[in-house]
Amino acid sequence: MNGAANHNHPMGTHMKQTTVGGDSMEDVFLKPLGGGGGGRLFKLWMTGLILVAGWGLYCYIRQLYYGLGTTAMGNYVSWGLYISSFVFIVGISHSGTLVSAILRVTNADWRRPITRSAELLTVASLMFGGLMPVIDMGRADRAPFLIIFGRIQSPLLWDVICITTYLTGSSLFLFLPMIPDMALCRDRLGATSAPWRRWLYRTLSLGWQDTAANWARLERCMKIMTVIIMPIAVSVHTVIGYIFAMTLRPGWNSTIFGPYFVAGALYSGAAAVVITMAAFRKAYHLEKYITLVHFNNMGKIVLALTIIYAYFNINEYAVPAYKMESAEGYLLRDLFSGGYATVFWILQFGTVMLPAVVLSFTKGRTPVVGSIACLVIVLGAWVKRYVIVVPTLLHPYLPVQGVPYSWSHYFPNWVEFSITLGALAGIMIFLTLFSKLFPIGSVWEIREGEEIDRRNLLLNEMTAKEHAQTAVSAEAQP
């Protein structure tokens, strides 16, 4: 790298290279950035995603033209699949806060190869998840009115403020550790890259040079952002919980919805991190860097969060079920033994308890088994949000007490499914294109971890020799 020698920073990020299996660590992470068109599988993958996203966009344009009457929503269920998906997708965004921010604070060195993919998942989830309420509005042109004519006492306005702040903070949190790697791409790929790539890496590197002053500024900024991003992340899903809890409806009128939603977001977000790191590990052959240790440690985190989420889940249903108050009683009977019973019990035992049992064993925290368990968790979390939103809207308070509803029904139609799947395809397109433009692992942080491991190994060897010499000297004394 241009500029000062690598002694300015203890990692010597761009000057030293560790060669493993013929390729240096930098080469492994820069290889996907070669600028080629990718293999056949990559082209098929991108073609499929673009078709799904394009179809979803067409359905959304059709919905804009004909109105929300093209969906299955009505007067009773005006928050259907769109808002359920909004809660789910924004919940996934807690992945970056968990893996990157919290593990940075706790100095968990094993986090280094997976922090960027987690931070990337956060930004992608917020970008597309934040669009779902606008889609649900029907009239997208009215979205600015939430700010212009918003009332500060409304949880909806709190939600807009929190998500906007979280997206801004998460984007900075993703970008800051990328600056040294952008300089690496600028210097290592500049001669062979297309002009637009050279311009991109040169611009995003912000004139970075490998000097002590630059490293000190970067470390200081990252520490500040780490401290800031955690309370912002907690506030986002707490406020989403408030949107429901502050609405006078049976099933939502709960005082634990704030922490319950945060726990659910961390639980599904951690599972999504496991799936993401497994996908990138397989696609870009990162087995030397994303190892069994990472899957084992992340599996333990997912297990702990699953148990916490199960505890909140039990509290959410056990307390009102003990009382069976009339308004909530209709909803709970529908969930426990009525039309939603099958889905409800599958969610409790199949997507919460079963993955917890699987992840309790070491063999359940391997890349294949752990990823399958986490995929079940993520799918279950999506359906769980649907169960939180829709049955409650189908059980409103009625003017005549003691008379349950009997005339309303809702199930998403093809328009809603198409638009929602289009948004999910958009997330995956963003993740894929990012991995083709930028290193999917934080190269300098991985190098830092290697240097720390090397120093610890040398220190242990020196300590062992000193102990051995001390023991020999003690034996030699009369």
Protein backbone atom coordinates (compact mmCIF):
# COMPACT_ATOMS: atom_id res chain seq x y z
CA MET A 1 0.00 0.00 0.00
CA ASN A 2 1.18 3.54 -0.66
CA GLY A 3 2.32 5.74 2.15
CA ALA A 4 4.01 4.95 5.44
CA ALA A 5 5.49 1.56 6.19
CA ASN A 6 3.44 -1.07 7.88
CA HIS A 7 5.02 -0.50 11.28
CA ASN A 8 2.54 2.36 11.74
CA HIS A 9 -0.11 -0.21 12.58
CA PRO A 10 0.49 -3.45 14.48
CA MET A 11 -1.38 -5.53 11.90
CA GLY A 12 0.62 -4.32 8.91
CA THR A 13 -2.62 -4.81 7.06
CA HIS A 14 -1.59 -4.24 3.49
CA MET A 15 2.08 -5.10 3.64
CA LYS A 16 2.07 -8.61 5.09
CA GLN A 17 0.38 -11.54 3.48
CA THR A 18 -0.24 -14.95 4.96
CA THR A 19 -0.15 -17.67 2.36
CA VAL A 20 -2.45 -20.62 2.97
CA GLY A 21 -2.78 -23.36 0.40
CA GLY A 22 -1.01 -21.26 -2.28
CA ASP A 23 -3.20 -18.15 -1.94
CA SER A 24 -2.72 -15.31 0.49
CA MET A 25 -5.63 -14.32 2.68
CA GLU A 26 -5.99 -11.10 0.66
CA ASP A 27 -6.11 -13.08 -2.57
CA VAL A 28 -8.91 -15.31 -1.22
CA PHE A 29 -11.14 -12.36 -0.31
CA LEU A 30 -10.28 -10.30 -3.39
CA LYS A 31 -10.78 -13.14 -5.85
CA PRO A 32 -14.60 -12.65 -6.20
CA LEU A 33 -13.91 -9.00 -7.10
CA GLY A 34 -12.13 -9.89 -10.34
CA GLY A 35 -14.81 -8.21 -12.41
CA GLY A 36 -15.71 -11.31 -14.43
CA GLY A 37 -19.23 -12.36 -15.19
CA GLY A 38 -19.18 -15.20 -12.69
CA GLY A 39 -19.88 -18.85 -13.27
CA ARG A 40 -22.97 -20.52 -14.61
CA LEU A 41 -24.53 -20.99 -11.18
CA PHE A 42 -24.01 -17.30 -10.39
CA LYS A 43 -25.75 -16.29 -13.62
CA LEU A 44 -28.66 -18.65 -12.96
CA TRP A 45 -28.92 -17.35 -9.38
CA MET A 46 -28.97 -13.71 -10.47
CA THR A 47 -31.39 -14.39 -13.32
CA GLY A 48 -33.82 -16.10 -10.95
CA LEU A 49 -33.60 -13.28 -8.40
CA ILE A 50 -34.08 -10.59 -11.05
CA LEU A 51 -37.15 -12.38 -12.43
CA VAL A 52 -38.70 -12.66 -8.95
CA ALA A 53 -37.88 -9.04 -8.11
CA GLY A 54 -39.14 -7.86 -11.51
CA TRP A 55 -42.41 -9.71 -11.10
CA GLY A 56 -42.82 -8.24 -7.64
CA LEU A 57 -42.22 -4.76 -9.04
CA TYR A 58 -44.83 -5.34 -11.75
CA CYS A 59 -47.36 -6.46 -9.13
CA TYR A 60 -46.62 -3.38 -7.06
CA ILE A 61 -47.15 -1.09 -10.06
CA ARG A 62 -50.41 -2.94 -10.70
CA GLN A 63 -51.39 -2.43 -7.05
CA LEU A 64 -50.62 1.28 -7.33
CA TYR A 65 -52.80 1.56 -10.42
CA TYR A 66 -55.81 -0.43 -9.20
CA GLY A 67 -55.48 0.22 -5.47
CA LEU A 68 -55.30 -2.06 -2.46
CA GLY A 69 -58.47 -3.76 -3.68
CA THR A 70 -56.16 -6.03 -5.68
CA THR A 71 -54.97 -7.55 -2.39
CA ALA A 72 -56.91 -9.74 0.03
CA MET A 73 -56.87 -7.01 2.69
CA GLY A 74 -60.02 -5.20 3.74
CA ASN A 75 -61.58 -3.18 6.53
CA TYR A 76 -60.71 -5.72 9.20
CA VAL A 77 -57.24 -6.83 8.06
CA SER A 78 -55.50 -3.72 6.76
CA TRP A 79 -52.17 -4.94 8.16
CA GLY A 80 -51.68 -8.29 6.49
CA LEU A 81 -48.66 -9.95 4.95
CA TYR A 82 -46.97 -6.61 4.29
CA ILE A 83 -46.74 -5.51 7.92
CA SER A 84 -45.97 -9.05 9.08
CA SER A 85 -43.04 -9.09 6.65
CA PHE A 86 -42.01 -5.61 7.76
CA VAL A 87 -41.68 -6.75 11.38
CA PHE A 88 -39.84 -9.89 10.29
CA ILE A 89 -37.38 -8.23 7.89
CA VAL A 90 -36.53 -5.37 10.25
CA GLY A 91 -36.02 -7.99 12.96
CA ILE A 92 -33.40 -9.67 10.77
CA SER A 93 -31.52 -6.36 10.77
CA HIS A 94 -30.50 -6.95 14.39
CA SER A 95 -27.92 -9.41 13.05
CA GLY A 96 -25.28 -6.71 12.61
CA THR A 97 -25.85 -5.29 16.07
CA LEU A 98 -25.52 -8.70 17.67
CA VAL A 99 -22.54 -10.12 15.79
CA SER A 100 -20.59 -6.95 15.16
CA ALA A 101 -21.37 -4.40 17.86
CA ILE A 102 -21.96 -6.64 20.86
CA LEU A 103 -19.12 -9.02 20.02
CA ARG A 104 -16.80 -6.06 19.43
CA VAL A 105 -17.59 -4.70 22.88
CA THR A 106 -16.94 -8.11 24.45
CA ASN A 107 -13.65 -8.52 22.52
CA ALA A 108 -14.72 -11.82 20.95
CA ASP A 109 -11.87 -12.23 18.44
CA TRP A 110 -13.57 -15.09 16.57
CA ARG A 111 -16.12 -12.61 15.17
CA ARG A 112 -13.66 -11.06 12.68
CA PRO A 113 -14.39 -13.10 9.51
CA ILE A 114 -18.18 -12.74 9.83
CA THR A 115 -18.71 -9.16 10.99
CA ARG A 116 -19.03 -7.66 7.52
CA SER A 117 -21.63 -10.16 6.30
CA ALA A 118 -23.66 -9.48 9.45
CA GLU A 119 -23.41 -5.70 9.03
CA LEU A 120 -24.31 -6.06 5.36
CA LEU A 121 -27.39 -8.10 6.22
CA THR A 122 -28.46 -5.33 8.60
CA VAL A 123 -28.31 -2.62 5.93
CA ALA A 124 -30.01 -4.75 3.26
CA SER A 125 -32.82 -5.75 5.62
CA LEU A 126 -33.49 -2.17 6.66
CA MET A 127 -33.47 -0.90 3.07
CA PHE A 128 -36.16 -3.31 1.89
CA GLY A 129 -37.98 -3.90 5.18
CA GLY A 130 -38.53 -0.17 5.56
CA LEU A 131 -40.40 -0.16 2.24
CA MET A 132 -43.09 -2.58 3.40
CA PRO A 133 -45.19 -0.02 5.36
CA VAL A 134 -45.09 2.28 2.30
CA ILE A 135 -46.32 -0.60 0.15
CA ASP A 136 -49.06 -1.27 2.69
CA MET A 137 -50.19 2.37 2.52
CA GLY A 138 -51.46 1.95 -1.02
CA ARG A 139 -50.76 5.60 -1.82
CA ALA A 140 -46.95 5.81 -1.72
CA ASP A 141 -47.12 9.55 -2.45
CA ARG A 142 -48.59 10.04 1.02
CA ALA A 143 -45.49 8.67 2.78
CA PRO A 144 -43.94 12.17 3.27
CA PHE A 145 -47.10 13.18 5.15
CA LEU A 146 -45.96 10.95 8.03
CA ILE A 147 -43.20 13.48 8.61
CA ILE A 148 -44.86 16.68 7.44
CA PHE A 149 -48.10 16.17 9.36
CA GLY A 150 -46.94 13.52 11.82
CA ARG A 151 -47.86 13.73 15.47
CA ILE A 152 -44.98 13.18 17.89
CA GLN A 153 -47.26 11.22 20.24
CA SER A 154 -47.85 8.61 17.51
CA PRO A 155 -45.80 5.37 17.63
CA LEU A 156 -45.92 5.36 13.82
CA LEU A 157 -43.84 8.53 13.71
CA TRP A 158 -41.46 7.07 16.31
CA ASP A 159 -41.04 4.09 14.01
CA VAL A 160 -40.18 6.25 11.01
CA ILE A 161 -37.61 8.19 13.04
CA CYS A 162 -36.03 5.05 14.56
CA ILE A 163 -35.73 3.14 11.28
CA THR A 164 -34.30 6.15 9.43
CA THR A 165 -31.76 6.70 12.21
CA TYR A 166 -30.92 2.99 12.38
CA LEU A 167 -30.40 2.74 8.61
CA THR A 168 -28.11 5.78 8.66
CA GLY A 169 -26.13 4.49 11.63
CA SER A 170 -25.89 0.95 10.25
CA SER A 171 -24.65 2.23 6.89
CA LEU A 172 -21.88 4.13 8.66
CA PHE A 173 -21.17 1.11 10.83
CA LEU A 174 -20.78 -1.00 7.69
CA PHE A 175 -18.71 1.59 5.82
CA LEU A 176 -16.15 2.57 8.45
CA PRO A 177 -14.36 -0.83 8.65
CA MET A 178 -14.45 -0.98 4.84
CA ILE A 179 -12.19 2.05 4.36
CA PRO A 180 -8.84 0.18 4.73
CA ASP A 181 -10.15 -2.60 2.51
CA MET A 182 -11.20 -0.05 -0.13
CA ALA A 183 -7.61 1.19 -0.10
CA LEU A 184 -6.45 -2.41 -0.50
CA CYS A 185 -8.75 -2.84 -3.51
CA ARG A 186 -7.55 0.49 -4.89
CA ASP A 187 -3.90 -0.56 -4.72
CA ARG A 188 -4.20 -4.26 -5.55
CA LEU A 189 -6.93 -4.19 -8.21
CA GLY A 190 -6.43 -0.77 -9.74
CA ALA A 191 -4.33 -1.89 -12.69
CA THR A 192 -6.66 -4.70 -13.75
CA SER A 193 -10.08 -3.31 -12.87
CA ALA A 194 -12.53 -1.48 -15.08
CA PRO A 195 -12.34 2.33 -14.89
CA TRP A 196 -15.59 2.58 -12.94
CA ARG A 197 -14.25 0.11 -10.36
CA ARG A 198 -11.03 2.09 -9.97
CA TRP A 199 -13.08 5.25 -9.47
CA LEU A 200 -15.32 3.47 -6.92
CA TYR A 201 -12.47 2.11 -4.82
CA ARG A 202 -10.52 5.37 -5.00
CA THR A 203 -13.57 7.38 -3.92
CA LEU A 204 -14.62 5.07 -1.09
CA SER A 205 -11.09 4.77 0.30
CA LEU A 206 -11.26 8.51 1.17
CA GLY A 207 -7.54 8.91 0.52
CA TRP A 208 -6.66 6.29 3.13
CA GLN A 209 -2.97 5.72 3.84
CA ASP A 210 -1.48 3.15 6.20
CA THR A 211 -0.43 5.65 8.86
CA ALA A 212 -0.77 5.64 12.62
CA ALA A 213 -2.96 8.75 12.51
CA ASN A 214 -5.44 7.15 10.13
CA TRP A 215 -5.64 3.97 12.19
CA ALA A 216 -6.19 5.98 15.38
CA ARG A 217 -9.05 7.94 13.80
CA LEU A 218 -10.64 4.78 12.44
CA GLU A 219 -10.48 2.99 15.77
CA ARG A 220 -11.96 6.00 17.56
CA CYS A 221 -14.83 6.33 15.08
CA MET A 222 -15.60 2.62 15.27
CA LYS A 223 -15.72 2.69 19.06
CA ILE A 224 -18.12 5.64 18.98
CA MET A 225 -20.38 3.97 16.42
CA THR A 226 -20.33 0.68 18.35
CA VAL A 227 -21.62 2.43 21.47
CA ILE A 228 -24.23 4.42 19.52
CA ILE A 229 -25.63 1.64 17.34
CA MET A 230 -26.66 -0.76 20.12
CA PRO A 231 -29.27 1.44 21.85
CA ILE A 232 -30.56 2.56 18.45
CA ALA A 233 -31.07 -1.06 17.40
CA VAL A 234 -32.89 -1.88 20.63
CA SER A 235 -35.09 1.20 20.24
CA VAL A 236 -36.15 0.22 16.70
CA HIS A 237 -37.80 -3.08 17.55
CA THR A 238 -39.04 -1.76 20.88
CA VAL A 239 -40.92 0.96 19.01
CA ILE A 240 -42.25 -1.60 16.52
CA GLY A 241 -43.58 -3.52 19.50
CA TYR A 242 -45.12 -0.28 20.80
CA ILE A 243 -47.05 0.17 17.54
CA PHE A 244 -48.95 -2.99 18.42
CA ALA A 245 -48.97 -2.73 22.23
CA MET A 246 -50.35 0.82 22.22
CA THR A 247 -53.28 -0.21 20.05
CA LEU A 248 -56.32 -1.20 22.11
CA ARG A 249 -56.85 -4.69 20.71
CA PRO A 250 -57.00 -8.10 22.36
CA GLY A 251 -53.75 -9.93 21.67
CA TRP A 252 -51.70 -6.75 21.37
CA ASN A 253 -52.57 -5.00 24.63
CA SER A 254 -49.41 -6.28 26.31
CA THR A 255 -46.71 -4.67 28.44
CA ILE A 256 -43.96 -7.08 27.34
CA PHE A 257 -44.21 -6.47 23.60
CA GLY A 258 -41.15 -4.17 23.61
CA PRO A 259 -38.63 -6.67 25.04
CA TYR A 260 -40.53 -9.55 23.41
CA PHE A 261 -40.01 -8.06 19.94
CA VAL A 262 -36.35 -7.26 20.67
CA ALA A 263 -35.73 -10.84 21.81
CA GLY A 264 -37.48 -12.17 18.72
CA ALA A 265 -35.43 -9.88 16.47
CA LEU A 266 -32.13 -10.98 17.98
CA TYR A 267 -33.21 -14.61 17.79
CA SER A 268 -34.14 -14.50 14.10
CA GLY A 269 -31.27 -12.13 13.23
CA ALA A 270 -28.65 -14.43 14.73
CA ALA A 271 -30.12 -17.37 12.81
CA ALA A 272 -29.99 -15.32 9.60
CA VAL A 273 -26.29 -14.60 10.22
CA VAL A 274 -25.58 -18.35 10.35
CA ILE A 275 -27.37 -18.85 7.02
CA THR A 276 -25.57 -15.91 5.42
CA MET A 277 -22.10 -16.95 6.55
CA ALA A 278 -22.79 -20.53 5.40
CA ALA A 279 -23.85 -19.26 1.95
CA PHE A 280 -20.79 -17.02 1.50
CA ARG A 281 -18.50 -19.72 2.90
CA LYS A 282 -19.73 -22.18 0.29
CA ALA A 283 -19.95 -19.74 -2.62
CA TYR A 284 -16.49 -18.20 -2.19
CA HIS A 285 -14.62 -21.16 -0.63
CA LEU A 286 -13.90 -19.45 2.69
CA GLU A 287 -13.65 -22.67 4.70
CA LYS A 288 -10.19 -21.67 5.98
CA TYR A 289 -11.56 -18.47 7.50
CA ILE A 290 -15.20 -19.19 8.36
CA THR A 291 -14.50 -22.35 10.31
CA LEU A 292 -16.36 -24.85 12.47
CA VAL A 293 -15.52 -22.63 15.44
CA HIS A 294 -17.68 -19.85 14.03
CA PHE A 295 -20.64 -22.15 13.47
CA ASN A 296 -20.23 -23.65 16.92
CA ASN A 297 -20.08 -20.25 18.63
CA MET A 298 -22.91 -18.77 16.60
CA GLY A 299 -24.95 -21.91 17.27
CA LYS A 300 -24.52 -21.37 21.00
CA ILE A 301 -25.65 -17.75 20.64
CA VAL A 302 -28.71 -18.79 18.63
CA LEU A 303 -29.49 -21.46 21.25
CA ALA A 304 -29.32 -18.94 24.11
CA LEU A 305 -31.50 -16.45 22.23
CA THR A 306 -33.99 -19.19 21.35
CA ILE A 307 -34.39 -20.06 25.03
CA ILE A 308 -34.88 -16.37 25.89
CA TYR A 309 -37.43 -16.01 23.10
CA ALA A 310 -39.26 -19.15 24.28
CA TYR A 311 -39.47 -17.64 27.76
CA PHE A 312 -41.11 -14.46 26.41
CA ASN A 313 -43.36 -16.57 24.22
CA ILE A 314 -44.64 -18.54 27.20
CA ASN A 315 -45.29 -15.33 29.14
CA GLU A 316 -47.11 -13.75 26.21
CA TYR A 317 -49.66 -16.57 25.99
CA ALA A 318 -49.70 -18.19 29.43
CA VAL A 319 -50.76 -15.09 31.38
CA PRO A 320 -53.86 -14.16 29.30
CA ALA A 321 -54.71 -17.86 28.87
CA TYR A 322 -54.89 -18.22 32.66
CA LYS A 323 -57.56 -15.49 32.81
CA MET A 324 -59.30 -16.11 29.46
CA GLU A 325 -60.86 -12.65 29.54
CA SER A 326 -63.70 -12.54 27.03
CA ALA A 327 -62.10 -10.40 24.31
CA GLU A 328 -58.76 -12.22 24.44
CA GLY A 329 -60.48 -15.54 25.02
CA TYR A 330 -61.87 -15.65 21.47
CA LEU A 331 -58.42 -15.01 20.03
CA LEU A 332 -56.66 -17.54 22.26
CA ARG A 333 -59.22 -20.27 21.51
CA ASP A 334 -58.68 -19.66 17.81
CA LEU A 335 -54.91 -19.98 18.33
CA PHE A 336 -54.96 -22.94 20.71
CA SER A 337 -57.70 -25.08 19.20
CA GLY A 338 -59.35 -23.18 16.34
CA GLY A 339 -58.46 -22.23 12.81
CA TYR A 340 -54.88 -21.20 13.60
CA ALA A 341 -54.13 -24.05 16.02
CA THR A 342 -52.10 -26.16 13.59
CA VAL A 343 -49.86 -23.27 12.60
CA PHE A 344 -49.58 -22.04 16.19
CA TRP A 345 -48.42 -25.35 17.67
CA ILE A 346 -46.07 -26.07 14.78
CA LEU A 347 -44.48 -22.69 15.46
CA GLN A 348 -44.05 -23.39 19.17
CA PHE A 349 -42.66 -26.89 18.90
CA GLY A 350 -41.32 -27.12 15.36
CA THR A 351 -39.58 -23.76 14.95
CA VAL A 352 -38.67 -22.92 18.56
CA MET A 353 -38.31 -26.04 20.70
CA LEU A 354 -37.00 -28.40 18.00
CA PRO A 355 -34.16 -26.09 16.82
CA ALA A 356 -33.26 -25.50 20.49
CA VAL A 357 -32.89 -29.25 21.00
CA VAL A 358 -30.83 -29.65 17.81
CA LEU A 359 -28.50 -26.75 18.68
CA SER A 360 -27.97 -28.14 22.18
CA PHE A 361 -25.67 -30.80 20.70
CA THR A 362 -22.25 -30.16 19.16
CA LYS A 363 -23.21 -32.04 15.98
CA GLY A 364 -26.21 -29.74 15.66
CA ARG A 365 -23.90 -26.72 15.40
CA THR A 366 -22.08 -27.88 12.27
CA PRO A 367 -22.36 -25.88 9.01
CA VAL A 368 -24.99 -28.12 7.42
CA VAL A 369 -27.15 -29.09 10.40
CA GLY A 370 -26.82 -25.69 12.06
CA SER A 371 -27.80 -23.89 8.86
CA ILE A 372 -30.88 -26.10 8.44
CA ALA A 373 -31.90 -25.46 12.06
CA CYS A 374 -31.43 -21.70 11.56
CA LEU A 375 -33.40 -21.79 8.30
CA VAL A 376 -36.28 -23.37 10.21
CA ILE A 377 -35.97 -20.60 12.82
CA VAL A 378 -36.04 -17.85 10.19
CA LEU A 379 -39.05 -19.29 8.36
CA GLY A 380 -40.82 -19.81 11.68
CA ALA A 381 -40.08 -16.22 12.70
CA TRP A 382 -41.72 -14.98 9.50
CA VAL A 383 -44.87 -17.06 10.07
CA LYS A 384 -44.87 -16.04 13.75
CA ARG A 385 -45.14 -12.37 12.78
CA TYR A 386 -48.09 -13.27 10.60
CA VAL A 387 -49.76 -15.01 13.56
CA ILE A 388 -49.16 -11.94 15.72
CA VAL A 389 -50.71 -9.56 13.18
CA VAL A 390 -53.55 -11.29 11.36
CA PRO A 391 -55.55 -13.26 13.99
CA THR A 392 -55.62 -10.19 16.24
CA LEU A 393 -57.08 -8.05 13.44
CA LEU A 394 -59.70 -10.75 12.83
CA HIS A 395 -60.80 -10.53 16.50
CA PRO A 396 -61.74 -6.87 17.09
CA TYR A 397 -63.76 -5.54 19.96
CA LEU A 398 -67.42 -5.69 19.00
CA PRO A 399 -70.35 -3.49 20.05
CA VAL A 400 -72.30 -6.54 21.29
CA GLN A 401 -70.45 -8.16 24.15
CA GLY A 402 -70.09 -11.89 24.14
CA VAL A 403 -70.65 -12.28 20.39
CA PRO A 404 -67.51 -13.43 18.55
CA TYR A 405 -66.77 -12.38 15.02
CA SER A 406 -68.16 -14.65 12.31
CA TRP A 407 -67.93 -12.82 8.99
CA SER A 408 -64.30 -11.88 8.37
CA HIS A 409 -61.54 -13.94 6.78
CA TYR A 410 -58.09 -13.17 5.40
CA PHE A 411 -55.34 -15.02 3.57
CA PRO A 412 -52.75 -13.25 1.38
CA ASN A 413 -53.37 -13.47 -2.35
CA TRP A 414 -50.90 -13.73 -5.22
CA VAL A 415 -50.31 -9.98 -5.37
CA GLU A 416 -49.19 -9.81 -1.74
CA PHE A 417 -47.01 -12.90 -2.02
CA SER A 418 -45.43 -11.62 -5.24
CA ILE A 419 -44.55 -8.21 -3.82
CA THR A 420 -43.21 -9.69 -0.57
CA LEU A 421 -41.08 -12.27 -2.38
CA GLY A 422 -39.88 -9.50 -4.66
CA ALA A 423 -38.65 -7.56 -1.63
CA LEU A 424 -36.84 -10.65 -0.30
CA ALA A 425 -35.29 -11.17 -3.74
CA GLY A 426 -34.15 -7.55 -3.63
CA ILE A 427 -32.33 -8.23 -0.37
CA MET A 428 -30.52 -11.20 -1.88
CA ILE A 429 -29.63 -9.25 -5.03
CA PHE A 430 -28.12 -6.53 -2.85
CA LEU A 431 -26.10 -9.08 -0.85
CA THR A 432 -24.87 -10.83 -3.99
CA LEU A 433 -23.84 -7.68 -5.85
CA PHE A 434 -22.10 -6.32 -2.76
CA SER A 435 -20.04 -9.51 -2.49
CA LYS A 436 -18.96 -9.02 -6.13
CA LEU A 437 -17.90 -5.42 -5.55
CA PHE A 438 -16.35 -5.47 -2.07
CA PRO A 439 -14.54 -8.03 0.13
CA ILE A 440 -17.15 -10.01 2.03
CA GLY A 441 -14.75 -10.34 4.95
CA SER A 442 -13.01 -7.51 6.77
CA VAL A 443 -9.48 -8.22 5.54
CA TRP A 444 -7.63 -5.98 7.95
CA GLU A 445 -9.58 -7.28 10.96
CA ILE A 446 -8.86 -10.87 9.98
CA ARG A 447 -5.19 -9.93 9.61
CA GLU A 448 -5.30 -8.31 13.03
CA GLY A 449 -6.72 -11.51 14.49
CA GLU A 450 -3.98 -13.57 12.85
CA GLU A 451 -1.33 -11.27 14.30
CA ILE A 452 -2.87 -11.52 17.77
CA ASP A 453 -2.99 -15.31 17.52
CA ARG A 454 0.63 -15.41 16.34
CA ARG A 455 1.79 -13.19 19.21
CA ASN A 456 -0.16 -15.23 21.76
CA LEU A 457 1.40 -18.41 20.40
CA LEU A 458 4.91 -16.96 20.64
CA LEU A 459 4.18 -15.66 24.13
CA ASN A 460 2.95 -19.07 25.24
CA GLU A 461 6.03 -20.74 23.77
CA MET A 462 8.31 -18.27 25.54
CA THR A 463 6.46 -18.76 28.81
CA ALA A 464 6.71 -22.53 28.47
CA LYS A 465 10.47 -22.30 27.82
CA GLU A 466 10.94 -20.05 30.84
CA HIS A 467 9.02 -22.49 33.03
CA ALA A 468 11.10 -25.37 31.68
CA GLN A 469 14.36 -23.49 32.35
CA THR A 470 13.16 -22.62 35.85
CA ALA A 471 12.33 -26.26 36.53
CA VAL A 472 15.77 -27.40 35.25
CA SER A 473 17.52 -24.77 37.38
CA ALA A 474 15.54 -25.86 40.44
CA GLU A 475 16.50 -29.49 39.88
CA ALA A 476 20.16 -28.58 39.42
CA GLN A 477 20.32 -26.83 42.78
CA PRO A 478 21.55 -29.01 45.69
